[in-house]
Amino acid sequence: MLFFVLWFAGCMEISSFDCIDCDVKPDLLDCVSVQVSWFAVGCYYLLSGRQELAQRYLSKSTSLDRVFGPAWLAYGHSFAAENEHDQAMAAYFTASQLMKG
């Protein structure tokens, strides 16, 4: 499922996300939960180098589901990309606690 979400996030065009900047709830995928939709949007912005927007949507994903490990991992990556190491380590630690293995 994670592969599908990343593929979906990478395939969307920027114009498709214009409505999201207005804080409209995403109706990206009807078959997945809302936190996964926010995660997909956050991954898109993370991959396109827009860390601030990535952090906004990954934060929404983690606030909707505090135990969604992939969102915490991507959240850590967004902080690391901006050299915010303390916040990145906190997000990575949370992800490691949630995604044992």
Foldseek 3Di string as FASTA:
>chain_A
DVVVLQVLLQPDDPVVCPVVVVVDQDPSDPVDDSLSVLQSPLSNCVVVVNLVSSLVSLVVSCVVPVLPLVSLQSNLVSCVVVVVNVSSVVSVVSSCVNDPD
